PDB file of N, CA and C in Angstrom:
ATOM      1  N   MET A   1     -15.364 -13.591  -6.092  1.00  0.00           N
ATOM      2  CA  MET A   1     -15.325 -12.138  -6.221  1.00  0.00           C
ATOM      3  C   MET A   1     -16.445 -11.692  -7.155  1.00  0.00           C
ATOM      4  N   ALA A   2     -17.213 -10.731  -6.735  1.00  0.00           N
ATOM      5  CA  ALA A   2     -18.304 -10.220  -7.559  1.00  0.00           C
ATOM      6  C   ALA A   2     -17.741  -9.359  -8.680  1.00  0.00           C
ATOM      7  N   THR A   3     -18.347  -9.448  -9.854  1.00  0.00           N
ATOM      8  CA  THR A   3     -17.832  -8.694 -10.992  1.00  0.00           C
ATOM      9  C   THR A   3     -18.259  -7.230 -10.957  1.00  0.00           C
ATOM     10  N   ASP A   4     -19.213  -6.869 -10.080  1.00  0.00           N
ATOM     11  CA  ASP A   4     -19.674  -5.484 -10.059  1.00  0.00           C
ATOM     12  C   ASP A   4     -18.674  -4.539  -9.376  1.00  0.00           C
ATOM     13  N   ASN A   5     -17.693  -5.059  -8.647  1.00  0.00           N
ATOM     14  CA  ASN A   5     -16.721  -4.173  -8.015  1.00  0.00           C
ATOM     15  C   ASN A   5     -15.426  -4.080  -8.818  1.00  0.00           C
ATOM     16  N   LEU A   6     -15.436  -4.570 -10.050  1.00  0.00           N
ATOM     17  CA  LEU A   6     -14.269  -4.459 -10.908  1.00  0.00           C
ATOM     18  C   LEU A   6     -14.219  -3.072 -11.537  1.00  0.00           C
ATOM     19  N   GLN A   7     -13.039  -2.503 -11.554  1.00  0.00           N
ATOM     20  CA  GLN A   7     -12.833  -1.202 -12.189  1.00  0.00           C
ATOM     21  C   GLN A   7     -12.092  -1.417 -13.509  1.00  0.00           C
ATOM     22  N   ALA A   8     -12.256  -0.504 -14.443  1.00  0.00           N
ATOM     23  CA  ALA A   8     -11.550  -0.578 -15.725  1.00  0.00           C
ATOM     24  C   ALA A   8     -10.240   0.199 -15.607  1.00  0.00           C
ATOM     25  N   TYR A   9      -9.171  -0.410 -16.099  1.00  0.00           N
ATOM     26  CA  TYR A   9      -7.849   0.215 -16.041  1.00  0.00           C
ATOM     27  C   TYR A   9      -7.135   0.047 -17.367  1.00  0.00           C
ATOM     28  N   GLU A  10      -6.164   0.930 -17.585  1.00  0.00           N
ATOM     29  CA  GLU A  10      -5.254   0.803 -18.714  1.00  0.00           C
ATOM     30  C   GLU A  10      -3.848   0.817 -18.148  1.00  0.00           C
ATOM     31  N   LEU A  11      -3.049  -0.139 -18.561  1.00  0.00           N
ATOM     32  CA  LEU A  11      -1.663  -0.241 -18.120  1.00  0.00           C
ATOM     33  C   LEU A  11      -0.771  -0.046 -19.325  1.00  0.00           C
ATOM     34  N   MET A  12       0.177   0.884 -19.216  1.00  0.00           N
ATOM     35  CA  MET A  12       1.186   1.039 -20.255  1.00  0.00           C
ATOM     36  C   MET A  12       2.530   0.700 -19.626  1.00  0.00           C
ATOM     37  N   VAL A  13       3.252  -0.194 -20.287  1.00  0.00           N
ATOM     38  CA  VAL A  13       4.565  -0.606 -19.804  1.00  0.00           C
ATOM     39  C   VAL A  13       5.580  -0.317 -20.894  1.00  0.00           C
ATOM     40  N   ILE A  14       6.739   0.216 -20.493  1.00  0.00           N
ATOM     41  CA  ILE A  14       7.859   0.374 -21.412  1.00  0.00           C
ATOM     42  C   ILE A  14       8.938  -0.597 -20.960  1.00  0.00           C
ATOM     43  N   PHE A  15       9.167  -1.605 -21.798  1.00  0.00           N
ATOM     44  CA  PHE A  15      10.205  -2.583 -21.517  1.00  0.00           C
ATOM     45  C   PHE A  15      11.523  -2.122 -22.126  1.00  0.00           C
ATOM     46  N   THR A  16      12.620  -2.614 -21.584  1.00  0.00           N
ATOM     47  CA  THR A  16      13.939  -2.288 -22.112  1.00  0.00           C
ATOM     48  C   THR A  16      14.039  -2.743 -23.576  1.00  0.00           C
ATOM     49  N   PRO A  17      14.678  -1.954 -24.444  1.00  0.00           N
ATOM     50  CA  PRO A  17      14.701  -2.284 -25.873  1.00  0.00           C
ATOM     51  C   PRO A  17      15.620  -3.455 -26.220  1.00  0.00           C
ATOM     52  N   VAL A  18      16.406  -3.945 -25.280  1.00  0.00           N
ATOM     53  CA  VAL A  18      17.341  -5.036 -25.577  1.00  0.00           C
ATOM     54  C   VAL A  18      16.695  -6.416 -25.506  1.00  0.00           C
ATOM     55  N   LEU A  19      15.398  -6.477 -25.194  1.00  0.00           N
ATOM     56  CA  LEU A  19      14.706  -7.765 -25.119  1.00  0.00           C
ATOM     57  C   LEU A  19      14.571  -8.386 -26.510  1.00  0.00           C
ATOM     58  N   ALA A  20      14.783  -9.686 -26.578  1.00  0.00           N
ATOM     59  CA  ALA A  20      14.502 -10.426 -27.809  1.00  0.00           C
ATOM     60  C   ALA A  20      12.984 -10.525 -27.958  1.00  0.00           C
ATOM     61  N   GLU A  21      12.521 -10.818 -29.157  1.00  0.00           N
ATOM     62  CA  GLU A  21      11.083 -10.883 -29.422  1.00  0.00           C
ATOM     63  C   GLU A  21      10.373 -11.862 -28.481  1.00  0.00           C
ATOM     64  N   ASP A  22      10.977 -13.040 -28.253  1.00  0.00           N
ATOM     65  CA  ASP A  22      10.376 -14.039 -27.360  1.00  0.00           C
ATOM     66  C   ASP A  22      10.297 -13.534 -25.926  1.00  0.00           C
ATOM     67  N   ASP A  23      11.346 -12.830 -25.484  1.00  0.00           N
ATOM     68  CA  ASP A  23      11.357 -12.288 -24.120  1.00  0.00           C
ATOM     69  C   ASP A  23      10.308 -11.188 -23.970  1.00  0.00           C
ATOM     70  N   TYR A  24      10.139 -10.369 -25.003  1.00  0.00           N
ATOM     71  CA  TYR A  24       9.130  -9.301 -25.016  1.00  0.00           C
ATOM     72  C   TYR A  24       7.738  -9.909 -24.882  1.00  0.00           C
ATOM     73  N   LYS A  25       7.465 -10.954 -25.675  1.00  0.00           N
ATOM     74  CA  LYS A  25       6.163 -11.638 -25.604  1.00  0.00           C
ATOM     75  C   LYS A  25       5.985 -12.324 -24.249  1.00  0.00           C
ATOM     76  N   GLY A  26       7.069 -12.911 -23.732  1.00  0.00           N
ATOM     77  CA  GLY A  26       7.015 -13.578 -22.439  1.00  0.00           C
ATOM     78  C   GLY A  26       6.717 -12.613 -21.312  1.00  0.00           C
ATOM     79  N   ALA A  27       7.310 -11.411 -21.377  1.00  0.00           N
ATOM     80  CA  ALA A  27       7.068 -10.390 -20.349  1.00  0.00           C
ATOM     81  C   ALA A  27       5.614  -9.927 -20.397  1.00  0.00           C
ATOM     82  N   GLN A  28       5.064  -9.762 -21.604  1.00  0.00           N
ATOM     83  CA  GLN A  28       3.663  -9.380 -21.741  1.00  0.00           C
ATOM     84  C   GLN A  28       2.766 -10.449 -21.132  1.00  0.00           C
ATOM     85  N   LYS A  29       3.046 -11.702 -21.459  1.00  0.00           N
ATOM     86  CA  LYS A  29       2.247 -12.825 -20.951  1.00  0.00           C
ATOM     87  C   LYS A  29       2.331 -12.896 -19.433  1.00  0.00           C
ATOM     88  N   LYS A  30       3.508 -12.642 -18.897  1.00  0.00           N
ATOM     89  CA  LYS A  30       3.701 -12.701 -17.441  1.00  0.00           C
ATOM     90  C   LYS A  30       2.758 -11.734 -16.722  1.00  0.00           C
ATOM     91  N   PHE A  31       2.696 -10.488 -17.192  1.00  0.00           N
ATOM     92  CA  PHE A  31       1.848  -9.497 -16.526  1.00  0.00           C
ATOM     93  C   PHE A  31       0.369  -9.711 -16.836  1.00  0.00           C
ATOM     94  N   ALA A  32       0.046 -10.157 -18.048  1.00  0.00           N
ATOM     95  CA  ALA A  32      -1.350 -10.463 -18.387  1.00  0.00           C
ATOM     96  C   ALA A  32      -1.842 -11.621 -17.521  1.00  0.00           C
ATOM     97  N   ASP A  33      -1.003 -12.654 -17.376  1.00  0.00           N
ATOM     98  CA  ASP A  33      -1.363 -13.791 -16.526  1.00  0.00           C
ATOM     99  C   ASP A  33      -1.528 -13.355 -15.079  1.00  0.00           C
ATOM    100  N   PHE A  34      -0.659 -12.451 -14.623  1.00  0.00           N
ATOM    101  CA  PHE A  34      -0.742 -11.971 -13.244  1.00  0.00           C
ATOM    102  C   PHE A  34      -2.102 -11.314 -12.995  1.00  0.00           C
ATOM    103  N   ILE A  35      -2.558 -10.512 -13.953  1.00  0.00           N
ATOM    104  CA  ILE A  35      -3.858  -9.840 -13.816  1.00  0.00           C
ATOM    105  C   ILE A  35      -4.983 -10.873 -13.736  1.00  0.00           C
ATOM    106  N   THR A  36      -4.983 -11.842 -14.649  1.00  0.00           N
ATOM    107  CA  THR A  36      -6.069 -12.823 -14.669  1.00  0.00           C
ATOM    108  C   THR A  36      -6.016 -13.754 -13.459  1.00  0.00           C
ATOM    109  N   GLU A  37      -4.813 -14.106 -13.015  1.00  0.00           N
ATOM    110  CA  GLU A  37      -4.687 -14.985 -11.840  1.00  0.00           C
ATOM    111  C   GLU A  37      -5.186 -14.302 -10.567  1.00  0.00           C
ATOM    112  N   ASN A  38      -5.200 -12.983 -10.547  1.00  0.00           N
ATOM    113  CA  ASN A  38      -5.671 -12.237  -9.382  1.00  0.00           C
ATOM    114  C   ASN A  38      -7.107 -11.757  -9.558  1.00  0.00           C
ATOM    115  N   GLY A  39      -7.863 -12.417 -10.425  1.00  0.00           N
ATOM    116  CA  GLY A  39      -9.285 -12.124 -10.567  1.00  0.00           C
ATOM    117  C   GLY A  39      -9.617 -11.052 -11.574  1.00  0.00           C
ATOM    118  N   GLY A  40      -8.632 -10.572 -12.312  1.00  0.00           N
ATOM    119  CA  GLY A  40      -8.886  -9.550 -13.322  1.00  0.00           C
ATOM    120  C   GLY A  40      -9.282 -10.165 -14.644  1.00  0.00           C
ATOM    121  N   LYS A  41      -9.701  -9.307 -15.569  1.00  0.00           N
ATOM    122  CA  LYS A  41     -10.125  -9.761 -16.891  1.00  0.00           C
ATOM    123  C   LYS A  41      -9.516  -8.825 -17.935  1.00  0.00           C
ATOM    124  N   ILE A  42      -8.727  -9.376 -18.840  1.00  0.00           N
ATOM    125  CA  ILE A  42      -8.099  -8.583 -19.903  1.00  0.00           C
ATOM    126  C   ILE A  42      -9.161  -8.272 -20.958  1.00  0.00           C
ATOM    127  N   THR A  43      -9.320  -6.992 -21.308  1.00  0.00           N
ATOM    128  CA  THR A  43     -10.288  -6.638 -22.342  1.00  0.00           C
ATOM    129  C   THR A  43      -9.618  -6.335 -23.673  1.00  0.00           C
ATOM    130  N   ASN A  44      -8.350  -5.878 -23.647  1.00  0.00           N
ATOM    131  CA  ASN A  44      -7.635  -5.595 -24.889  1.00  0.00           C
ATOM    132  C   ASN A  44      -6.143  -5.501 -24.609  1.00  0.00           C
ATOM    133  N   GLN A  45      -5.347  -5.995 -25.547  1.00  0.00           N
ATOM    134  CA  GLN A  45      -3.888  -5.864 -25.461  1.00  0.00           C
ATOM    135  C   GLN A  45      -3.380  -5.312 -26.778  1.00  0.00           C
ATOM    136  N   ASN A  46      -2.354  -4.486 -26.707  1.00  0.00           N
ATOM    137  CA  ASN A  46      -1.778  -3.926 -27.916  1.00  0.00           C
ATOM    138  C   ASN A  46      -0.279  -3.755 -27.710  1.00  0.00           C
ATOM    139  N   ALA A  47       0.505  -4.547 -28.410  1.00  0.00           N
ATOM    140  CA  ALA A  47       1.961  -4.412 -28.354  1.00  0.00           C
ATOM    141  C   ALA A  47       2.367  -3.398 -29.419  1.00  0.00           C
ATOM    142  N   TRP A  48       2.823  -2.224 -28.976  1.00  0.00           N
ATOM    143  CA  TRP A  48       3.212  -1.170 -29.914  1.00  0.00           C
ATOM    144  C   TRP A  48       4.596  -1.408 -30.500  1.00  0.00           C
ATOM    145  N   GLY A  49       5.395  -2.218 -29.806  1.00  0.00           N
ATOM    146  CA  GLY A  49       6.739  -2.487 -30.304  1.00  0.00           C
ATOM    147  C   GLY A  49       7.709  -1.379 -29.955  1.00  0.00           C
ATOM    148  N   LEU A  50       8.779  -1.296 -30.725  1.00  0.00           N
ATOM    149  CA  LEU A  50       9.863  -0.355 -30.445  1.00  0.00           C
ATOM    150  C   LEU A  50       9.461   1.071 -30.824  1.00  0.00           C
ATOM    151  N   ARG A  51       9.564   1.971 -29.863  1.00  0.00           N
ATOM    152  CA  ARG A  51       9.251   3.391 -30.086  1.00  0.00           C
ATOM    153  C   ARG A  51      10.341   4.247 -29.460  1.00  0.00           C
ATOM    154  N   SER A  52      10.482   5.455 -29.973  1.00  0.00           N
ATOM    155  CA  SER A  52      11.417   6.407 -29.372  1.00  0.00           C
ATOM    156  C   SER A  52      10.837   6.951 -28.079  1.00  0.00           C
ATOM    157  N   LEU A  53      11.692   7.198 -27.118  1.00  0.00           N
ATOM    158  CA  LEU A  53      11.270   7.779 -25.848  1.00  0.00           C
ATOM    159  C   LEU A  53      11.331   9.303 -25.939  1.00  0.00           C
ATOM    160  N   ALA A  54      10.532   9.980 -25.147  1.00  0.00           N
ATOM    161  CA  ALA A  54      10.537  11.441 -25.121  1.00  0.00           C
ATOM    162  C   ALA A  54      11.849  11.962 -24.527  1.00  0.00           C
ATOM    163  N   TYR A  55      12.417  11.195 -23.619  1.00  0.00           N
ATOM    164  CA  TYR A  55      13.702  11.539 -22.997  1.00  0.00           C
ATOM    165  C   TYR A  55      14.415  10.239 -22.650  1.00  0.00           C
ATOM    166  N   PRO A  56      15.748  10.258 -22.592  1.00  0.00           N
ATOM    167  CA  PRO A  56      16.480   9.023 -22.287  1.00  0.00           C
ATOM    168  C   PRO A  56      16.155   8.492 -20.884  1.00  0.00           C
ATOM    169  N   ILE A  57      16.031   7.174 -20.783  1.00  0.00           N
ATOM    170  CA  ILE A  57      15.844   6.494 -19.501  1.00  0.00           C
ATOM    171  C   ILE A  57      16.978   5.479 -19.400  1.00  0.00           C
ATOM    172  N   GLU A  58      17.763   5.585 -18.354  1.00  0.00           N
ATOM    173  CA  GLU A  58      18.899   4.682 -18.168  1.00  0.00           C
ATOM    174  C   GLU A  58      19.777   4.636 -19.422  1.00  0.00           C
ATOM    175  N   LYS A  59      20.011   5.804 -20.021  1.00  0.00           N
ATOM    176  CA  LYS A  59      20.828   5.987 -21.224  1.00  0.00           C
ATOM    177  C   LYS A  59      20.253   5.305 -22.464  1.00  0.00           C
ATOM    178  N   LYS A  60      18.987   4.942 -22.421  1.00  0.00           N
ATOM    179  CA  LYS A  60      18.323   4.337 -23.580  1.00  0.00           C
ATOM    180  C   LYS A  60      17.374   5.361 -24.193  1.00  0.00           C
ATOM    181  N   THR A  61      17.325   5.395 -25.514  1.00  0.00           N
ATOM    182  CA  THR A  61      16.466   6.366 -26.200  1.00  0.00           C
ATOM    183  C   THR A  61      15.235   5.707 -26.834  1.00  0.00           C
ATOM    184  N   THR A  62      15.146   4.370 -26.749  1.00  0.00           N
ATOM    185  CA  THR A  62      13.984   3.655 -27.272  1.00  0.00           C
ATOM    186  C   THR A  62      13.486   2.667 -26.224  1.00  0.00           C
ATOM    187  N   GLY A  63      12.275   2.200 -26.400  1.00  0.00           N
ATOM    188  CA  GLY A  63      11.706   1.204 -25.501  1.00  0.00           C
ATOM    189  C   GLY A  63      10.635   0.405 -26.218  1.00  0.00           C
ATOM    190  N   LEU A  64      10.350  -0.768 -25.699  1.00  0.00           N
ATOM    191  CA  LEU A  64       9.292  -1.630 -26.238  1.00  0.00           C
ATOM    192  C   LEU A  64       8.009  -1.351 -25.465  1.00  0.00           C
ATOM    193  N   TYR A  65       7.035  -0.788 -26.151  1.00  0.00           N
ATOM    194  CA  TYR A  65       5.783  -0.387 -25.500  1.00  0.00           C
ATOM    195  C   TYR A  65       4.760  -1.507 -25.557  1.00  0.00           C
ATOM    196  N   TRP A  66       3.952  -1.579 -24.489  1.00  0.00           N
ATOM    197  CA  TRP A  66       2.836  -2.535 -24.431  1.00  0.00           C
ATOM    198  C   TRP A  66       1.712  -1.873 -23.656  1.00  0.00           C
ATOM    199  N   VAL A  67       0.513  -1.897 -24.226  1.00  0.00           N
ATOM    200  CA  VAL A  67      -0.657  -1.309 -23.578  1.00  0.00           C
ATOM    201  C   VAL A  67      -1.699  -2.406 -23.404  1.00  0.00           C
ATOM    202  N   VAL A  68      -2.255  -2.481 -22.194  1.00  0.00           N
ATOM    203  CA  VAL A  68      -3.288  -3.482 -21.932  1.00  0.00           C
ATOM    204  C   VAL A  68      -4.431  -2.821 -21.174  1.00  0.00           C
ATOM    205  N   GLU A  69      -5.658  -3.100 -21.603  1.00  0.00           N
ATOM    206  CA  GLU A  69      -6.844  -2.657 -20.878  1.00  0.00           C
ATOM    207  C   GLU A  69      -7.388  -3.869 -20.142  1.00  0.00           C
ATOM    208  N   TYR A  70      -7.772  -3.649 -18.892  1.00  0.00           N
ATOM    209  CA  TYR A  70      -8.281  -4.764 -18.095  1.00  0.00           C
ATOM    210  C   TYR A  70      -9.261  -4.273 -17.056  1.00  0.00           C
ATOM    211  N   GLN A  71      -9.997  -5.225 -16.501  1.00  0.00           N
ATOM    212  CA  GLN A  71     -10.898  -4.948 -15.389  1.00  0.00           C
ATOM    213  C   GLN A  71     -10.399  -5.754 -14.203  1.00  0.00           C
ATOM    214  N   ALA A  72     -10.315  -5.109 -13.059  1.00  0.00           N
ATOM    215  CA  ALA A  72      -9.826  -5.800 -11.864  1.00  0.00           C
ATOM    216  C   ALA A  72     -10.282  -5.059 -10.621  1.00  0.00           C
ATOM    217  N   ALA A  73     -10.194  -5.757  -9.496  1.00  0.00           N
ATOM    218  CA  ALA A  73     -10.440  -5.112  -8.210  1.00  0.00           C
ATOM    219  C   ALA A  73      -9.284  -4.157  -7.931  1.00  0.00           C
ATOM    220  N   THR A  74      -9.529  -3.137  -7.120  1.00  0.00           N
ATOM    221  CA  THR A  74      -8.514  -2.109  -6.897  1.00  0.00           C
ATOM    222  C   THR A  74      -7.245  -2.642  -6.238  1.00  0.00           C
ATOM    223  N   ASP A  75      -7.332  -3.684  -5.425  1.00  0.00           N
ATOM    224  CA  ASP A  75      -6.143  -4.188  -4.741  1.00  0.00           C
ATOM    225  C   ASP A  75      -5.170  -4.905  -5.678  1.00  0.00           C
ATOM    226  N   VAL A  76      -5.635  -5.284  -6.867  1.00  0.00           N
ATOM    227  CA  VAL A  76      -4.754  -5.966  -7.828  1.00  0.00           C
ATOM    228  C   VAL A  76      -3.642  -5.028  -8.296  1.00  0.00           C
ATOM    229  N   ASN A  77      -3.952  -3.737  -8.427  1.00  0.00           N
ATOM    230  CA  ASN A  77      -2.962  -2.787  -8.939  1.00  0.00           C
ATOM    231  C   ASN A  77      -1.744  -2.672  -8.037  1.00  0.00           C
ATOM    232  N   ALA A  78      -1.935  -2.678  -6.738  1.00  0.00           N
ATOM    233  CA  ALA A  78      -0.800  -2.584  -5.817  1.00  0.00           C
ATOM    234  C   ALA A  78       0.117  -3.794  -5.982  1.00  0.00           C
ATOM    235  N   LYS A  79      -0.477  -4.971  -6.095  1.00  0.00           N
ATOM    236  CA  LYS A  79       0.317  -6.193  -6.293  1.00  0.00           C
ATOM    237  C   LYS A  79       1.027  -6.157  -7.644  1.00  0.00           C
ATOM    238  N   LEU A  80       0.328  -5.654  -8.668  1.00  0.00           N
ATOM    239  CA  LEU A  80       0.898  -5.562 -10.004  1.00  0.00           C
ATOM    240  C   LEU A  80       2.080  -4.588 -10.018  1.00  0.00           C
ATOM    241  N   GLU A  81       1.927  -3.463  -9.328  1.00  0.00           N
ATOM    242  CA  GLU A  81       3.022  -2.478  -9.250  1.00  0.00           C
ATOM    243  C   GLU A  81       4.264  -3.092  -8.630  1.00  0.00           C
ATOM    244  N   ILE A  82       4.088  -3.871  -7.578  1.00  0.00           N
ATOM    245  CA  ILE A  82       5.227  -4.524  -6.920  1.00  0.00           C
ATOM    246  C   ILE A  82       5.939  -5.442  -7.914  1.00  0.00           C
ATOM    247  N   GLN A  83       5.165  -6.220  -8.675  1.00  0.00           N
ATOM    248  CA  GLN A  83       5.764  -7.125  -9.664  1.00  0.00           C
ATOM    249  C   GLN A  83       6.537  -6.353 -10.730  1.00  0.00           C
ATOM    250  N   MET A  84       5.974  -5.232 -11.192  1.00  0.00           N
ATOM    251  CA  MET A  84       6.644  -4.453 -12.236  1.00  0.00           C
ATOM    252  C   MET A  84       7.898  -3.772 -11.699  1.00  0.00           C
ATOM    253  N   ASN A  85       7.839  -3.283 -10.448  1.00  0.00           N
ATOM    254  CA  ASN A  85       9.020  -2.645  -9.860  1.00  0.00           C
ATOM    255  C   ASN A  85      10.152  -3.644  -9.650  1.00  0.00           C
ATOM    256  N   ARG A  86       9.822  -4.898  -9.438  1.00  0.00           N
ATOM    257  CA  ARG A  86      10.840  -5.941  -9.237  1.00  0.00           C
ATOM    258  C   ARG A  86      11.452  -6.420 -10.543  1.00  0.00           C
ATOM    259  N   ASP A  87      10.758  -6.192 -11.660  1.00  0.00           N
ATOM    260  CA  ASP A  87      11.202  -6.711 -12.954  1.00  0.00           C
ATOM    261  C   ASP A  87      12.211  -5.750 -13.580  1.00  0.00           C
ATOM    262  N   GLU A  88      13.428  -6.232 -13.794  1.00  0.00           N
ATOM    263  CA  GLU A  88      14.481  -5.370 -14.342  1.00  0.00           C
ATOM    264  C   GLU A  88      14.259  -5.011 -15.805  1.00  0.00           C
ATOM    265  N   ASN A  89      13.366  -5.729 -16.501  1.00  0.00           N
ATOM    266  CA  ASN A  89      13.076  -5.422 -17.901  1.00  0.00           C
ATOM    267  C   ASN A  89      12.094  -4.262 -18.062  1.00  0.00           C
ATOM    268  N   VAL A  90      11.433  -3.856 -16.978  1.00  0.00           N
ATOM    269  CA  VAL A  90      10.458  -2.763 -17.032  1.00  0.00           C
ATOM    270  C   VAL A  90      11.180  -1.444 -16.731  1.00  0.00           C
ATOM    271  N   MET A  91      11.188  -0.538 -17.716  1.00  0.00           N
ATOM    272  CA  MET A  91      11.817   0.767 -17.504  1.00  0.00           C
ATOM    273  C   MET A  91      10.829   1.748 -16.872  1.00  0.00           C
ATOM    274  N   ARG A  92       9.587   1.748 -17.357  1.00  0.00           N
ATOM    275  CA  ARG A  92       8.540   2.608 -16.805  1.00  0.00           C
ATOM    276  C   ARG A  92       7.207   1.886 -16.932  1.00  0.00           C
ATOM    277  N   HIS A  93       6.264   2.265 -16.073  1.00  0.00           N
ATOM    278  CA  HIS A  93       4.901   1.751 -16.191  1.00  0.00           C
ATOM    279  C   HIS A  93       3.945   2.786 -15.618  1.00  0.00           C
ATOM    280  N   MET A  94       2.718   2.718 -16.107  1.00  0.00           N
ATOM    281  CA  MET A  94       1.694   3.630 -15.610  1.00  0.00           C
ATOM    282  C   MET A  94       0.340   2.939 -15.694  1.00  0.00           C
ATOM    283  N   ILE A  95      -0.384   2.970 -14.579  1.00  0.00           N
ATOM    284  CA  ILE A  95      -1.738   2.419 -14.537  1.00  0.00           C
ATOM    285  C   ILE A  95      -2.704   3.602 -14.452  1.00  0.00           C
ATOM    286  N   THR A  96      -3.679   3.609 -15.360  1.00  0.00           N
ATOM    287  CA  THR A  96      -4.679   4.671 -15.391  1.00  0.00           C
ATOM    288  C   THR A  96      -6.052   4.051 -15.206  1.00  0.00           C
ATOM    289  N   ARG A  97      -6.840   4.613 -14.301  1.00  0.00           N
ATOM    290  CA  ARG A  97      -8.217   4.151 -14.131  1.00  0.00           C
ATOM    291  C   ARG A  97      -9.058   4.772 -15.236  1.00  0.00           C
ATOM    292  N   LEU A  98      -9.834   3.944 -15.916  1.00  0.00           N
ATOM    293  CA  LEU A  98     -10.680   4.425 -17.007  1.00  0.00           C
ATOM    294  C   LEU A  98     -12.111   4.574 -16.516  1.00  0.00           C
ATOM    295  N   ASP A  99     -12.710   5.739 -16.765  1.00  0.00           N
ATOM    296  CA  ASP A  99     -14.130   5.875 -16.446  1.00  0.00           C
ATOM    297  C   ASP A  99     -14.938   5.271 -17.597  1.00  0.00           C
ATOM    298  N   LYS A 100     -16.251   5.228 -17.449  1.00  0.00           N
ATOM    299  CA  LYS A 100     -17.069   4.550 -18.461  1.00  0.00           C
ATOM    300  C   LYS A 100     -16.958   5.221 -19.829  1.00  0.00           C
ATOM    301  N   TYR A 101     -16.711   6.526 -19.857  1.00  0.00           N
ATOM    302  CA  TYR A 101     -16.592   7.239 -21.125  1.00  0.00           C
ATOM    303  C   TYR A 101     -15.302   6.860 -21.850  1.00  0.00           C
ATOM    304  N   ALA A 102     -14.227   6.678 -21.103  1.00  0.00           N
ATOM    305  CA  ALA A 102     -12.951   6.267 -21.698  1.00  0.00           C
ATOM    306  C   ALA A 102     -13.062   4.860 -22.277  1.00  0.00           C
ATOM    307  N   VAL A 103     -13.775   3.987 -21.583  1.00  0.00           N
ATOM    308  CA  VAL A 103     -13.970   2.615 -22.070  1.00  0.00           C
ATOM    309  C   VAL A 103     -14.755   2.636 -23.375  1.00  0.00           C
ATOM    310  N   ILE A 104     -15.821   3.425 -23.415  1.00  0.00           N
ATOM    311  CA  ILE A 104     -16.641   3.538 -24.630  1.00  0.00           C
ATOM    312  C   ILE A 104     -15.804   4.110 -25.769  1.00  0.00           C
ATOM    313  N   TYR A 105     -15.028   5.159 -25.474  1.00  0.00           N
ATOM    314  CA  TYR A 105     -14.177   5.796 -26.488  1.00  0.00           C
ATOM    315  C   TYR A 105     -13.174   4.793 -27.054  1.00  0.00           C
ATOM    316  N   ASN A 106     -12.493   4.048 -26.175  1.00  0.00           N
ATOM    317  CA  ASN A 106     -11.500   3.074 -26.634  1.00  0.00           C
ATOM    318  C   ASN A 106     -12.137   1.995 -27.501  1.00  0.00           C
ATOM    319  N   ASN A 107     -13.326   1.536 -27.115  1.00  0.00           N
ATOM    320  CA  ASN A 107     -14.020   0.526 -27.920  1.00  0.00           C
ATOM    321  C   ASN A 107     -14.382   1.065 -29.297  1.00  0.00           C
ATOM    322  N   ARG A 108     -14.876   2.296 -29.346  1.00  0.00           N
ATOM    323  CA  ARG A 108     -15.220   2.914 -30.631  1.00  0.00           C
ATOM    324  C   ARG A 108     -13.987   3.061 -31.507  1.00  0.00           C
ATOM    325  N   LYS A 109     -12.894   3.530 -30.892  1.00  0.00           N
ATOM    326  CA  LYS A 109     -11.651   3.732 -31.630  1.00  0.00           C
ATOM    327  C   LYS A 109     -11.151   2.400 -32.203  1.00  0.00           C
ATOM    328  N   ARG A 110     -11.199   1.349 -31.401  1.00  0.00           N
ATOM    329  CA  ARG A 110     -10.782   0.016 -31.863  1.00  0.00           C
ATOM    330  C   ARG A 110     -11.658  -0.462 -33.008  1.00  0.00           C
ATOM    331  N   ASN A 111     -12.968  -0.266 -32.887  1.00  0.00           N
ATOM    332  CA  ASN A 111     -13.892  -0.697 -33.936  1.00  0.00           C
ATOM    333  C   ASN A 111     -13.659   0.059 -35.231  1.00  0.00           C
ATOM    334  N   LYS A 112     -13.385   1.363 -35.144  1.00  0.00           N
ATOM    335  CA  LYS A 112     -13.098   2.152 -36.341  1.00  0.00           C
ATOM    336  C   LYS A 112     -11.812   1.669 -36.996  1.00  0.00           C
ATOM    337  N   LEU A 113     -10.790   1.372 -36.199  1.00  0.00           N
ATOM    338  CA  LEU A 113      -9.533   0.877 -36.746  1.00  0.00           C
ATOM    339  C   LEU A 113      -9.736  -0.444 -37.460  1.00  0.00           C
ATOM    340  N   SER A 114     -10.511  -1.347 -36.874  1.00  0.00           N
ATOM    341  CA  SER A 114     -10.725  -2.650 -37.505  1.00  0.00           C
ATOM    342  C   SER A 114     -11.545  -2.495 -38.791  1.00  0.00           C
ATOM    343  N   GLU A 115     -12.467  -1.510 -38.827  1.00  0.00           N
ATOM    344  CA  GLU A 115     -13.233  -1.261 -40.055  1.00  0.00           C
ATOM    345  C   GLU A 115     -12.320  -0.747 -41.149  1.00  0.00           C
ATOM    346  N   VAL A 116     -11.392   0.150 -40.804  1.00  0.00           N
ATOM    347  CA  VAL A 116     -10.448   0.703 -41.782  1.00  0.00           C
ATOM    348  C   VAL A 116      -9.531  -0.395 -42.318  1.00  0.00           C
ATOM    349  N   GLU A 117      -9.040  -1.266 -41.398  1.00  0.00           N
ATOM    350  CA  GLU A 117      -8.165  -2.367 -41.826  1.00  0.00           C
ATOM    351  C   GLU A 117      -8.914  -3.326 -42.722  1.00  0.00           C
ATOM    352  N   THR A 118     -10.191  -3.602 -42.440  1.00  0.00           N
ATOM    353  CA  THR A 118     -11.000  -4.505 -43.241  1.00  0.00           C
ATOM    354  C   THR A 118     -11.226  -3.901 -44.631  1.00  0.00           C
ATOM    355  N   ALA A 119     -11.508  -2.600 -44.671  1.00  0.00           N
ATOM    356  CA  ALA A 119     -11.757  -1.926 -45.944  1.00  0.00           C
ATOM    357  C   ALA A 119     -10.491  -1.875 -46.799  1.00  0.00           C
ATOM    358  N   ALA A 120      -9.331  -1.772 -46.160  1.00  0.00           N
ATOM    359  CA  ALA A 120      -8.060  -1.679 -46.879  1.00  0.00           C
ATOM    360  C   ALA A 120      -7.663  -3.017 -47.494  1.00  0.00           C
ATOM    361  N   SER A 121      -8.124  -4.110 -46.901  1.00  0.00           N
ATOM    362  CA  SER A 121      -7.703  -5.427 -47.432  1.00  0.00           C
ATOM    363  C   SER A 121      -8.664  -6.022 -48.405  1.00  0.00           C
TER     364      SER A 121
END
């Protein structure tokens, strides 16, 4: 697969809050591995952890958030959606296509955060 037809995407997943820490990490690894096994490339992962939801989902008011940026061919997303819809631990998910400006913005934001963390320590 040529790398020039890869698109940049951001995936946000809200997992059920009843997952143990190991299960939460395992679920993240499962979807990250799925992306890479289908020719994608993970550029950044960020586990936000337990957050309040804007509205209850399945009578739950919190969820375990995970955000991953990746590059993949467009057909990978359809396969990924099927996997997420089949997984009972996934309450919600959203895939967003990132244009080149969003990718640049996210990289700058990450670099600024790491500079602030470095300065604080």
